[in-house]
């Protein structure tokens, strides 16, 4: 959600957030807010996100961003939407926010959007903790999920993969799994030799049934077979993978090959406004790579069956 903030919204809320843009327009701040070319690595991408984070300063701003997320998704043709957000990321440096205020503002924003859309979109929330945040803060996120269980459909681990042990977070994932929440873990994104094994560990230790990205398992037939046998879903985000250099080039992306090899793959936008795209753009990219109508149907079938939401027709 925090990576799907309209540029015009940043301009509109700057004064409320205490940021002096000196008359800058949405277009003139694009170079600071939008990542539209490959970065050196994932770390460089994550540091650029902090420009946008500075604007997410009050409950009113959070509510507006949540509402616009849902409206933008609907107008892009999406009818089943899972929104992820990290309360630890959003609260940093913002004294007017706390975890409860953030969550309640998001719920209000979603309701406003759904009311405008006459409930023609289904929305579920996934809470994110990060490997590099203090454990106490991650624990507070799990406790938030427990308190507001009816609002959440899933729990996610994100952030830098290198230098952090998954066993640190195992108690938290055991806690949220007891609440019958879906588990997804960002893993196998960064091009590191150990990446495929991190994916396997996320499945075995944290109970992940979905993996965010996971593109690096292409370097391990053993882990690819394991993911296939366990029926784990890979959440692929083509543009994001190119920008973070998870893959070297469009020709190097395993989306089509994985899909046709029987792996459960879905097509996702990751952080759409931050990357200057929408989900339609990812469809167009996949079509350019050779995806057929049958492939798109399979991608959507995978997405629906892997959703953490209790879906209605």
C-alpha atoms as a PDB file:
ATOM      1  CA  UNK A   1       0.000   0.000   0.000  1.00  0.00           C
ATOM      2  CA  UNK A   2       2.797   2.421   0.883  1.00  0.00           C
ATOM      3  CA  UNK A   3       4.285   1.852  -2.573  1.00  0.00           C
ATOM      4  CA  UNK A   4       1.053   2.820  -4.289  1.00  0.00           C
ATOM      5  CA  UNK A   5       0.748   6.507  -3.461  1.00  0.00           C
ATOM      6  CA  UNK A   6      -0.303   8.911  -6.193  1.00  0.00           C
ATOM      7  CA  UNK A   7       2.192  11.661  -6.962  1.00  0.00           C
ATOM      8  CA  UNK A   8      -0.550  14.267  -6.796  1.00  0.00           C
ATOM      9  CA  UNK A   9      -1.451  13.027  -3.337  1.00  0.00           C
ATOM     10  CA  UNK A  10       2.114  13.664  -2.177  1.00  0.00           C
ATOM     11  CA  UNK A  11       1.795  17.257  -3.393  1.00  0.00           C
ATOM     12  CA  UNK A  12      -1.653  17.664  -1.828  1.00  0.00           C
ATOM     13  CA  UNK A  13      -0.657  16.426   1.631  1.00  0.00           C
ATOM     14  CA  UNK A  14       2.839  17.922   1.809  1.00  0.00           C
ATOM     15  CA  UNK A  15       1.811  20.857   3.993  1.00  0.00           C
ATOM     16  CA  UNK A  16      -0.135  18.601   6.353  1.00  0.00           C
ATOM     17  CA  UNK A  17       2.940  16.377   6.575  1.00  0.00           C
ATOM     18  CA  UNK A  18       5.154  19.370   7.341  1.00  0.00           C
ATOM     19  CA  UNK A  19       7.091  19.104   4.084  1.00  0.00           C
ATOM     20  CA  UNK A  20       7.938  22.191   2.052  1.00  0.00           C
ATOM     21  CA  UNK A  21       7.939  21.229  -1.628  1.00  0.00           C
ATOM     22  CA  UNK A  22       8.609  24.853  -2.595  1.00  0.00           C
ATOM     23  CA  UNK A  23       5.798  24.853  -5.132  1.00  0.00           C
ATOM     24  CA  UNK A  24       6.844  21.609  -6.766  1.00  0.00           C
ATOM     25  CA  UNK A  25       4.309  19.775  -8.921  1.00  0.00           C
ATOM     26  CA  UNK A  26       3.552  16.074  -9.153  1.00  0.00           C
ATOM     27  CA  UNK A  27       5.634  15.880 -12.301  1.00  0.00           C
ATOM     28  CA  UNK A  28       8.622  17.688 -10.803  1.00  0.00           C
ATOM     29  CA  UNK A  29       8.880  15.294  -7.829  1.00  0.00           C
ATOM     30  CA  UNK A  30       8.558  12.233 -10.066  1.00  0.00           C
ATOM     31  CA  UNK A  31      12.306  11.653 -10.172  1.00  0.00           C
ATOM     32  CA  UNK A  32      12.437  11.477  -6.368  1.00  0.00           C
ATOM     33  CA  UNK A  33       9.325   9.322  -5.879  1.00  0.00           C
ATOM     34  CA  UNK A  34       9.228   6.981  -8.873  1.00  0.00           C
ATOM     35  CA  UNK A  35      11.779   4.285  -9.652  1.00  0.00           C
ATOM     36  CA  UNK A  36      11.547   3.800 -13.398  1.00  0.00           C
ATOM     37  CA  UNK A  37      14.972   2.324 -14.190  1.00  0.00           C
ATOM     38  CA  UNK A  38      16.982  -0.565 -12.771  1.00  0.00           C
ATOM     39  CA  UNK A  39      18.748   0.257  -9.521  1.00  0.00           C
ATOM     40  CA  UNK A  40      22.065  -1.207  -8.440  1.00  0.00           C
ATOM     41  CA  UNK A  41      20.362  -3.591  -6.036  1.00  0.00           C
ATOM     42  CA  UNK A  42      17.351  -4.098  -3.761  1.00  0.00           C
ATOM     43  CA  UNK A  43      18.918  -2.011  -0.994  1.00  0.00           C
ATOM     44  CA  UNK A  44      19.098   1.040  -3.251  1.00  0.00           C
ATOM     45  CA  UNK A  45      15.424   0.578  -4.140  1.00  0.00           C
ATOM     46  CA  UNK A  46      14.365   0.329  -0.497  1.00  0.00           C
ATOM     47  CA  UNK A  47      16.235   3.510   0.452  1.00  0.00           C
ATOM     48  CA  UNK A  48      14.362   5.445  -2.242  1.00  0.00           C
ATOM     49  CA  UNK A  49      11.053   4.397  -0.697  1.00  0.00           C
ATOM     50  CA  UNK A  50      11.794   6.622   2.273  1.00  0.00           C
ATOM     51  CA  UNK A  51      11.107   9.746   0.223  1.00  0.00           C
ATOM     52  CA  UNK A  52       7.450   8.776  -0.024  1.00  0.00           C
ATOM     53  CA  UNK A  53       7.332   7.526   3.569  1.00  0.00           C
ATOM     54  CA  UNK A  54       8.013  11.056   4.856  1.00  0.00           C
ATOM     55  CA  UNK A  55       4.597  12.147   3.571  1.00  0.00           C
ATOM     56  CA  UNK A  56       2.633   9.427   5.401  1.00  0.00           C
ATOM     57  CA  UNK A  57       2.465  11.520   8.562  1.00  0.00           C
ATOM     58  CA  UNK A  58      -1.125  11.618   9.884  1.00  0.00           C
ATOM     59  CA  UNK A  59      -4.149   9.320  10.156  1.00  0.00           C
ATOM     60  CA  UNK A  60      -5.963  11.462   7.600  1.00  0.00           C
ATOM     61  CA  UNK A  61      -3.192  10.970   5.047  1.00  0.00           C
ATOM     62  CA  UNK A  62      -3.131   7.223   5.707  1.00  0.00           C
ATOM     63  CA  UNK A  63      -6.900   7.054   5.210  1.00  0.00           C
ATOM     64  CA  UNK A  64      -6.682   8.904   1.900  1.00  0.00           C
ATOM     65  CA  UNK A  65      -3.886   6.667   0.632  1.00  0.00           C
ATOM     66  CA  UNK A  66      -5.837   3.526   1.544  1.00  0.00           C
ATOM     67  CA  UNK A  67      -8.959   4.819  -0.190  1.00  0.00           C
ATOM     68  CA  UNK A  68      -7.034   5.732  -3.334  1.00  0.00           C
ATOM     69  CA  UNK A  69      -5.317   2.347  -3.384  1.00  0.00           C
ATOM     70  CA  UNK A  70      -8.682   0.624  -3.640  1.00  0.00           C
ATOM     71  CA  UNK A  71     -10.081   3.077  -6.205  1.00  0.00           C
ATOM     72  CA  UNK A  72      -6.983   2.822  -8.396  1.00  0.00           C
ATOM     73  CA  UNK A  73      -7.040  -0.970  -8.259  1.00  0.00           C
ATOM     74  CA  UNK A  74     -10.714  -1.060  -9.203  1.00  0.00           C
ATOM     75  CA  UNK A  75     -10.206   1.248 -12.171  1.00  0.00           C
ATOM     76  CA  UNK A  76      -7.353  -0.992 -13.306  1.00  0.00           C
ATOM     77  CA  UNK A  77      -9.840  -3.858 -13.544  1.00  0.00           C
ATOM     78  CA  UNK A  78      -9.034  -5.564 -10.229  1.00  0.00           C
ATOM     79  CA  UNK A  79     -11.951  -7.058  -8.304  1.00  0.00           C
ATOM     80  CA  UNK A  80     -10.116  -9.096  -5.649  1.00  0.00           C
ATOM     81  CA  UNK A  81      -7.462  -6.999  -3.913  1.00  0.00           C
ATOM     82  CA  UNK A  82      -4.992  -7.909  -1.202  1.00  0.00           C
ATOM     83  CA  UNK A  83      -3.338  -4.825   0.277  1.00  0.00           C
ATOM     84  CA  UNK A  84      -0.149  -5.225   2.286  1.00  0.00           C
ATOM     85  CA  UNK A  85       1.136  -2.651   4.699  1.00  0.00           C
ATOM     86  CA  UNK A  86       3.904  -2.371   7.260  1.00  0.00           C
ATOM     87  CA  UNK A  87       2.901  -0.445  10.386  1.00  0.00           C
ATOM     88  CA  UNK A  88       6.533  -0.366  11.493  1.00  0.00           C
ATOM     89  CA  UNK A  89       7.581   1.285   8.243  1.00  0.00           C
ATOM     90  CA  UNK A  90       4.703   3.754   8.239  1.00  0.00           C
ATOM     91  CA  UNK A  91       5.077   4.887  11.847  1.00  0.00           C
ATOM     92  CA  UNK A  92       8.809   5.710  11.632  1.00  0.00           C
ATOM     93  CA  UNK A  93       9.445   9.396  12.302  1.00  0.00           C
ATOM     94  CA  UNK A  94       5.767  10.265  12.609  1.00  0.00           C
ATOM     95  CA  UNK A  95       4.705  11.235  16.162  1.00  0.00           C
ATOM     96  CA  UNK A  96       1.058  11.639  15.126  1.00  0.00           C
ATOM     97  CA  UNK A  97       0.850   7.947  14.238  1.00  0.00           C
ATOM     98  CA  UNK A  98       0.868   4.674  16.109  1.00  0.00           C
ATOM     99  CA  UNK A  99      -0.007   1.150  15.010  1.00  0.00           C
ATOM    100  CA  UNK A 100      -3.665   1.405  16.034  1.00  0.00           C
ATOM    101  CA  UNK A 101      -4.197   4.801  14.407  1.00  0.00           C
ATOM    102  CA  UNK A 102      -2.587   3.551  11.192  1.00  0.00           C
ATOM    103  CA  UNK A 103      -4.727   0.433  11.061  1.00  0.00           C
ATOM    104  CA  UNK A 104      -7.996   2.158  11.871  1.00  0.00           C
ATOM    105  CA  UNK A 105      -7.282   4.836   9.251  1.00  0.00           C
ATOM    106  CA  UNK A 106      -6.633   2.158   6.626  1.00  0.00           C
ATOM    107  CA  UNK A 107      -9.886   0.380   7.464  1.00  0.00           C
ATOM    108  CA  UNK A 108     -11.777   3.681   7.177  1.00  0.00           C
ATOM    109  CA  UNK A 109     -10.167   4.459   3.833  1.00  0.00           C
ATOM    110  CA  UNK A 110     -11.021   1.033   2.440  1.00  0.00           C
ATOM    111  CA  UNK A 111     -14.632   1.389   3.584  1.00  0.00           C
ATOM    112  CA  UNK A 112     -14.940   4.799   1.930  1.00  0.00           C
ATOM    113  CA  UNK A 113     -13.668   3.389  -1.347  1.00  0.00           C
ATOM    114  CA  UNK A 114     -15.901   0.319  -1.199  1.00  0.00           C
ATOM    115  CA  UNK A 115     -18.909   2.527  -0.459  1.00  0.00           C
ATOM    116  CA  UNK A 116     -18.095   4.664  -3.504  1.00  0.00           C
ATOM    117  CA  UNK A 117     -17.756   1.521  -5.598  1.00  0.00           C
ATOM    118  CA  UNK A 118     -20.941  -0.034  -4.204  1.00  0.00           C
ATOM    119  CA  UNK A 119     -18.912  -2.956  -2.826  1.00  0.00           C
ATOM    120  CA  UNK A 120     -17.901  -4.130  -6.294  1.00  0.00           C
ATOM    121  CA  UNK A 121     -14.410  -4.987  -5.044  1.00  0.00           C
ATOM    122  CA  UNK A 122     -13.277  -7.360  -2.288  1.00  0.00           C
ATOM    123  CA  UNK A 123     -10.359  -6.185  -0.152  1.00  0.00           C
ATOM    124  CA  UNK A 124      -8.214  -8.050   2.365  1.00  0.00           C
ATOM    125  CA  UNK A 125      -5.270  -6.814   4.429  1.00  0.00           C
ATOM    126  CA  UNK A 126      -1.876  -8.448   4.908  1.00  0.00           C
ATOM    127  CA  UNK A 127       0.394  -7.162   7.686  1.00  0.00           C
ATOM    128  CA  UNK A 128       4.116  -6.941   6.950  1.00  0.00           C
ATOM    129  CA  UNK A 129       7.022  -7.301   9.322  1.00  0.00           C
ATOM    130  CA  UNK A 130      10.569  -6.741   8.124  1.00  0.00           C
ATOM    131  CA  UNK A 131      13.730  -8.703   8.818  1.00  0.00           C
ATOM    132  CA  UNK A 132      15.629  -5.540   9.667  1.00  0.00           C
ATOM    133  CA  UNK A 133      13.150  -4.004  12.105  1.00  0.00           C
ATOM    134  CA  UNK A 134      13.492  -4.438  15.892  1.00  0.00           C
ATOM    135  CA  UNK A 135      11.959  -7.706  17.044  1.00  0.00           C
ATOM    136  CA  UNK A 136       9.810  -5.880  19.626  1.00  0.00           C
ATOM    137  CA  UNK A 137       8.264  -3.839  16.821  1.00  0.00           C
ATOM    138  CA  UNK A 138       7.629  -6.962  14.738  1.00  0.00           C
ATOM    139  CA  UNK A 139       6.004  -8.548  17.797  1.00  0.00           C
ATOM    140  CA  UNK A 140       3.765  -5.488  18.150  1.00  0.00           C
ATOM    141  CA  UNK A 141       2.645  -6.025  14.550  1.00  0.00           C
ATOM    142  CA  UNK A 142       1.680  -9.622  15.327  1.00  0.00           C
ATOM    143  CA  UNK A 143      -0.230  -8.393  18.377  1.00  0.00           C
ATOM    144  CA  UNK A 144      -2.018  -5.806  16.224  1.00  0.00           C
ATOM    145  CA  UNK A 145      -3.090  -8.572  13.857  1.00  0.00           C
ATOM    146  CA  UNK A 146      -4.359 -10.599  16.795  1.00  0.00           C
ATOM    147  CA  UNK A 147      -6.372  -7.643  18.134  1.00  0.00           C
ATOM    148  CA  UNK A 148      -7.889  -6.818  14.728  1.00  0.00           C
ATOM    149  CA  UNK A 149      -8.044 -10.382  13.445  1.00  0.00           C
ATOM    150  CA  UNK A 150     -11.257  -9.860  11.467  1.00  0.00           C
ATOM    151  CA  UNK A 151      -9.589  -7.202   9.302  1.00  0.00           C
ATOM    152  CA  UNK A 152      -6.631  -9.335   8.221  1.00  0.00           C
ATOM    153  CA  UNK A 153      -6.240 -12.229   5.825  1.00  0.00           C
ATOM    154  CA  UNK A 154      -2.475 -12.753   5.930  1.00  0.00           C
ATOM    155  CA  UNK A 155       0.952 -12.080   7.416  1.00  0.00           C
ATOM    156  CA  UNK A 156       4.168 -11.343   5.516  1.00  0.00           C
ATOM    157  CA  UNK A 157       7.909 -11.131   6.100  1.00  0.00           C
ATOM    158  CA  UNK A 158       9.782  -8.690   3.868  1.00  0.00           C
ATOM    159  CA  UNK A 159      13.002  -6.668   3.829  1.00  0.00           C
ATOM    160  CA  UNK A 160      16.624  -7.571   3.093  1.00  0.00           C
ATOM    161  CA  UNK A 161      17.239 -11.325   2.925  1.00  0.00           C
ATOM    162  CA  UNK A 162      20.969 -11.394   3.605  1.00  0.00           C
ATOM    163  CA  UNK A 163      22.225 -11.422   7.195  1.00  0.00           C
ATOM    164  CA  UNK A 164      18.930 -12.260   8.917  1.00  0.00           C
ATOM    165  CA  UNK A 165      17.878 -15.672  10.219  1.00  0.00           C
ATOM    166  CA  UNK A 166      14.304 -16.797   9.667  1.00  0.00           C
ATOM    167  CA  UNK A 167      14.268 -18.682  12.958  1.00  0.00           C
ATOM    168  CA  UNK A 168      14.176 -15.291  14.719  1.00  0.00           C
ATOM    169  CA  UNK A 169      10.650 -14.756  13.422  1.00  0.00           C
ATOM    170  CA  UNK A 170       9.382 -18.305  13.822  1.00  0.00           C
ATOM    171  CA  UNK A 171       7.521 -17.612  17.107  1.00  0.00           C
ATOM    172  CA  UNK A 172       5.610 -14.752  15.499  1.00  0.00           C
ATOM    173  CA  UNK A 173       4.592 -16.864  12.524  1.00  0.00           C
ATOM    174  CA  UNK A 174       3.490 -19.659  14.826  1.00  0.00           C
ATOM    175  CA  UNK A 175       1.378 -17.086  16.663  1.00  0.00           C
ATOM    176  CA  UNK A 176      -0.378 -15.771  13.562  1.00  0.00           C
ATOM    177  CA  UNK A 177      -0.821 -19.221  11.997  1.00  0.00           C
ATOM    178  CA  UNK A 178      -2.833 -20.147  15.082  1.00  0.00           C
ATOM    179  CA  UNK A 179      -5.236 -17.386  14.020  1.00  0.00           C
ATOM    180  CA  UNK A 180      -5.817 -19.166  10.686  1.00  0.00           C
ATOM    181  CA  UNK A 181      -4.082 -16.451   8.680  1.00  0.00           C
ATOM    182  CA  UNK A 182      -2.365 -17.006   5.356  1.00  0.00           C
ATOM    183  CA  UNK A 183       1.438 -16.845   5.325  1.00  0.00           C
ATOM    184  CA  UNK A 184       3.514 -15.296   2.562  1.00  0.00           C
ATOM    185  CA  UNK A 185       7.229 -14.548   2.763  1.00  0.00           C
ATOM    186  CA  UNK A 186       9.460 -12.401   0.569  1.00  0.00           C
ATOM    187  CA  UNK A 187      12.255 -14.801  -0.326  1.00  0.00           C
ATOM    188  CA  UNK A 188      14.461 -15.808  -3.224  1.00  0.00           C
ATOM    189  CA  UNK A 189      14.400 -12.296  -4.659  1.00  0.00           C
ATOM    190  CA  UNK A 190      17.983 -11.088  -4.348  1.00  0.00           C
ATOM    191  CA  UNK A 191      20.437 -12.923  -6.651  1.00  0.00           C
ATOM    192  CA  UNK A 192      22.465 -14.669  -3.975  1.00  0.00           C
ATOM    193  CA  UNK A 193      23.770 -18.257  -3.968  1.00  0.00           C
ATOM    194  CA  UNK A 194      21.758 -19.052  -0.830  1.00  0.00           C
ATOM    195  CA  UNK A 195      18.496 -17.619  -2.215  1.00  0.00           C
ATOM    196  CA  UNK A 196      16.822 -20.939  -3.166  1.00  0.00           C
ATOM    197  CA  UNK A 197      17.503 -22.369   0.296  1.00  0.00           C
ATOM    198  CA  UNK A 198      15.941 -19.277   1.897  1.00  0.00           C
ATOM    199  CA  UNK A 199      12.761 -20.071  -0.047  1.00  0.00           C
ATOM    200  CA  UNK A 200      12.767 -23.661   1.208  1.00  0.00           C
ATOM    201  CA  UNK A 201      13.357 -22.508   4.772  1.00  0.00           C
ATOM    202  CA  UNK A 202      10.493 -19.994   4.526  1.00  0.00           C
ATOM    203  CA  UNK A 203       8.186 -22.868   3.615  1.00  0.00           C
ATOM    204  CA  UNK A 204       9.490 -25.295   6.244  1.00  0.00           C
ATOM    205  CA  UNK A 205      10.138 -22.951   9.159  1.00  0.00           C
ATOM    206  CA  UNK A 206       7.545 -20.192   8.733  1.00  0.00           C
ATOM    207  CA  UNK A 207       4.794 -22.150   7.000  1.00  0.00           C
ATOM    208  CA  UNK A 208       4.673 -20.024   3.852  1.00  0.00           C
ATOM    209  CA  UNK A 209       2.167 -21.178   1.247  1.00  0.00           C
ATOM    210  CA  UNK A 210       3.085 -18.222  -0.944  1.00  0.00           C
ATOM    211  CA  UNK A 211       6.498 -16.753  -1.726  1.00  0.00           C
ATOM    212  CA  UNK A 212       6.978 -13.120  -2.677  1.00  0.00           C
ATOM    213  CA  UNK A 213       9.100 -13.227  -5.850  1.00  0.00           C
ATOM    214  CA  UNK A 214      11.104 -16.451  -5.471  1.00  0.00           C
ATOM    215  CA  UNK A 215      12.673 -16.006  -8.901  1.00  0.00           C
ATOM    216  CA  UNK A 216      16.068 -17.317  -7.760  1.00  0.00           C
ATOM    217  CA  UNK A 217      14.805 -20.874  -7.296  1.00  0.00           C
ATOM    218  CA  UNK A 218      15.516 -21.194 -11.025  1.00  0.00           C
ATOM    219  CA  UNK A 219      19.081 -21.914  -9.940  1.00  0.00           C
ATOM    220  CA  UNK A 220      18.068 -25.015  -7.976  1.00  0.00           C
ATOM    221  CA  UNK A 221      16.124 -27.853  -9.576  1.00  0.00           C
ATOM    222  CA  UNK A 222      15.771 -29.411  -6.141  1.00  0.00           C
ATOM    223  CA  UNK A 223      14.032 -26.354  -4.679  1.00  0.00           C
ATOM    224  CA  UNK A 224      11.922 -25.874  -7.820  1.00  0.00           C
ATOM    225  CA  UNK A 225      10.682 -29.440  -7.443  1.00  0.00           C
ATOM    226  CA  UNK A 226      10.080 -28.883  -3.731  1.00  0.00           C
ATOM    227  CA  UNK A 227       8.005 -25.749  -4.399  1.00  0.00           C
ATOM    228  CA  UNK A 228       6.010 -27.662  -7.024  1.00  0.00           C
ATOM    229  CA  UNK A 229       5.432 -30.652  -4.721  1.00  0.00           C
ATOM    230  CA  UNK A 230       4.313 -28.420  -1.861  1.00  0.00           C
ATOM    231  CA  UNK A 231       1.947 -26.534  -4.177  1.00  0.00           C
ATOM    232  CA  UNK A 232       3.457 -23.227  -3.058  1.00  0.00           C
ATOM    233  CA  UNK A 233       2.488 -20.143  -5.063  1.00  0.00           C
ATOM    234  CA  UNK A 234       5.129 -17.755  -6.411  1.00  0.00           C
ATOM    235  CA  UNK A 235       4.072 -14.107  -6.508  1.00  0.00           C
ATOM    236  CA  UNK A 236       5.930 -12.773  -9.548  1.00  0.00           C
ATOM    237  CA  UNK A 237       6.342  -9.017 -10.122  1.00  0.00           C
ATOM    238  CA  UNK A 238       8.148  -8.596 -13.470  1.00  0.00           C
ATOM    239  CA  UNK A 239       8.857  -4.853 -13.443  1.00  0.00           C
ATOM    240  CA  UNK A 240       9.933  -4.953  -9.811  1.00  0.00           C
ATOM    241  CA  UNK A 241      12.279  -7.856 -10.561  1.00  0.00           C
ATOM    242  CA  UNK A 242      13.907  -5.831 -13.334  1.00  0.00           C
ATOM    243  CA  UNK A 243      14.219  -2.662 -11.243  1.00  0.00           C
ATOM    244  CA  UNK A 244      15.769  -4.463  -8.273  1.00  0.00           C
ATOM    245  CA  UNK A 245      17.989  -6.507 -10.614  1.00  0.00           C
ATOM    246  CA  UNK A 246      16.557  -9.756  -9.302  1.00  0.00           C
ATOM    247  CA  UNK A 247      16.830 -10.676 -12.988  1.00  0.00           C
ATOM    248  CA  UNK A 248      19.319  -9.206 -15.441  1.00  0.00           C
ATOM    249  CA  UNK A 249      16.978  -8.581 -18.371  1.00  0.00           C
ATOM    250  CA  UNK A 250      13.500  -9.199 -19.733  1.00  0.00           C
ATOM    251  CA  UNK A 251      14.840 -12.255 -21.580  1.00  0.00           C
ATOM    252  CA  UNK A 252      16.118 -13.597 -18.258  1.00  0.00           C
ATOM    253  CA  UNK A 253      12.780 -13.541 -16.437  1.00  0.00           C
ATOM    254  CA  UNK A 254      11.408 -17.034 -15.667  1.00  0.00           C
ATOM    255  CA  UNK A 255       7.676 -16.131 -15.594  1.00  0.00           C
ATOM    256  CA  UNK A 256       6.585 -17.999 -18.709  1.00  0.00           C
ATOM    257  CA  UNK A 257       8.953 -20.934 -18.240  1.00  0.00           C
ATOM    258  CA  UNK A 258       7.858 -21.435 -14.628  1.00  0.00           C
ATOM    259  CA  UNK A 259       4.178 -21.192 -15.483  1.00  0.00           C
ATOM    260  CA  UNK A 260       4.422 -23.763 -18.258  1.00  0.00           C
ATOM    261  CA  UNK A 261       6.528 -26.110 -16.129  1.00  0.00           C
ATOM    262  CA  UNK A 262       3.652 -26.600 -13.721  1.00  0.00           C
ATOM    263  CA  UNK A 263       4.715 -24.176 -11.006  1.00  0.00           C
ATOM    264  CA  UNK A 264       1.973 -22.082  -9.415  1.00  0.00           C
ATOM    265  CA  UNK A 265       2.752 -18.526 -10.508  1.00  0.00           C
ATOM    266  CA  UNK A 266       0.734 -15.325 -10.178  1.00  0.00           C
ATOM    267  CA  UNK A 267       1.189 -11.927 -11.820  1.00  0.00           C
ATOM    268  CA  UNK A 268       1.465  -8.950  -9.464  1.00  0.00           C
ATOM    269  CA  UNK A 269       2.300  -5.242  -9.509  1.00  0.00           C
ATOM    270  CA  UNK A 270       4.360  -5.045  -6.276  1.00  0.00           C
ATOM    271  CA  UNK A 271       4.560  -1.261  -5.638  1.00  0.00           C
ATOM    272  CA  UNK A 272       2.712   0.181  -8.646  1.00  0.00           C
ATOM    273  CA  UNK A 273       2.963   3.953  -8.217  1.00  0.00           C
ATOM    274  CA  UNK A 274       6.493   3.687  -6.850  1.00  0.00           C
ATOM    275  CA  UNK A 275       7.491   1.850 -10.029  1.00  0.00           C
ATOM    276  CA  UNK A 276       5.308   3.977 -12.318  1.00  0.00           C
ATOM    277  CA  UNK A 277       3.152   1.050 -13.451  1.00  0.00           C
ATOM    278  CA  UNK A 278      -0.137  -0.724 -12.843  1.00  0.00           C
ATOM    279  CA  UNK A 279      -1.176  -4.368 -13.113  1.00  0.00           C
ATOM    280  CA  UNK A 280      -2.271  -3.842 -16.717  1.00  0.00           C
ATOM    281  CA  UNK A 281       1.328  -2.896 -17.509  1.00  0.00           C
ATOM    282  CA  UNK A 282       2.485  -6.242 -16.112  1.00  0.00           C
ATOM    283  CA  UNK A 283      -0.054  -8.037 -18.307  1.00  0.00           C
ATOM    284  CA  UNK A 284       1.294  -6.166 -21.317  1.00  0.00           C
ATOM    285  CA  UNK A 285       4.857  -7.084 -20.362  1.00  0.00           C
ATOM    286  CA  UNK A 286       3.925 -10.756 -19.997  1.00  0.00           C
ATOM    287  CA  UNK A 287       2.175 -10.650 -23.376  1.00  0.00           C
ATOM    288  CA  UNK A 288       5.333  -9.186 -24.905  1.00  0.00           C
ATOM    289  CA  UNK A 289       7.218 -12.169 -23.464  1.00  0.00           C
ATOM    290  CA  UNK A 290       4.836 -14.591 -25.154  1.00  0.00           C
ATOM    291  CA  UNK A 291       2.032 -15.134 -22.648  1.00  0.00           C
ATOM    292  CA  UNK A 292      -1.149 -16.391 -24.309  1.00  0.00           C
ATOM    293  CA  UNK A 293      -4.792 -16.069 -23.338  1.00  0.00           C
ATOM    294  CA  UNK A 294      -4.552 -19.551 -21.818  1.00  0.00           C
ATOM    295  CA  UNK A 295      -1.526 -18.436 -19.781  1.00  0.00           C
ATOM    296  CA  UNK A 296      -3.375 -15.414 -18.438  1.00  0.00           C
ATOM    297  CA  UNK A 297      -6.343 -17.560 -17.473  1.00  0.00           C
ATOM    298  CA  UNK A 298      -4.005 -19.907 -15.618  1.00  0.00           C
ATOM    299  CA  UNK A 299      -2.283 -16.994 -13.862  1.00  0.00           C
ATOM    300  CA  UNK A 300      -5.644 -15.701 -12.669  1.00  0.00           C
ATOM    301  CA  UNK A 301      -6.833 -19.173 -11.666  1.00  0.00           C
ATOM    302  CA  UNK A 302      -3.681 -19.492  -9.565  1.00  0.00           C
ATOM    303  CA  UNK A 303      -4.269 -16.074  -8.006  1.00  0.00           C
ATOM    304  CA  UNK A 304      -7.851 -16.811  -7.083  1.00  0.00           C
ATOM    305  CA  UNK A 305      -7.115 -20.223  -5.591  1.00  0.00           C
ATOM    306  CA  UNK A 306      -4.077 -18.909  -3.690  1.00  0.00           C
ATOM    307  CA  UNK A 307      -5.868 -15.876  -2.282  1.00  0.00           C
ATOM    308  CA  UNK A 308      -6.017 -15.669   1.488  1.00  0.00           C
ATOM    309  CA  UNK A 309      -9.504 -14.172   1.258  1.00  0.00           C
ATOM    310  CA  UNK A 310     -12.782 -15.985   1.671  1.00  0.00           C
ATOM    311  CA  UNK A 311     -14.069 -15.149  -1.766  1.00  0.00           C
ATOM    312  CA  UNK A 312     -17.620 -14.536  -2.877  1.00  0.00           C
ATOM    313  CA  UNK A 313     -18.730 -14.747  -6.487  1.00  0.00           C
END
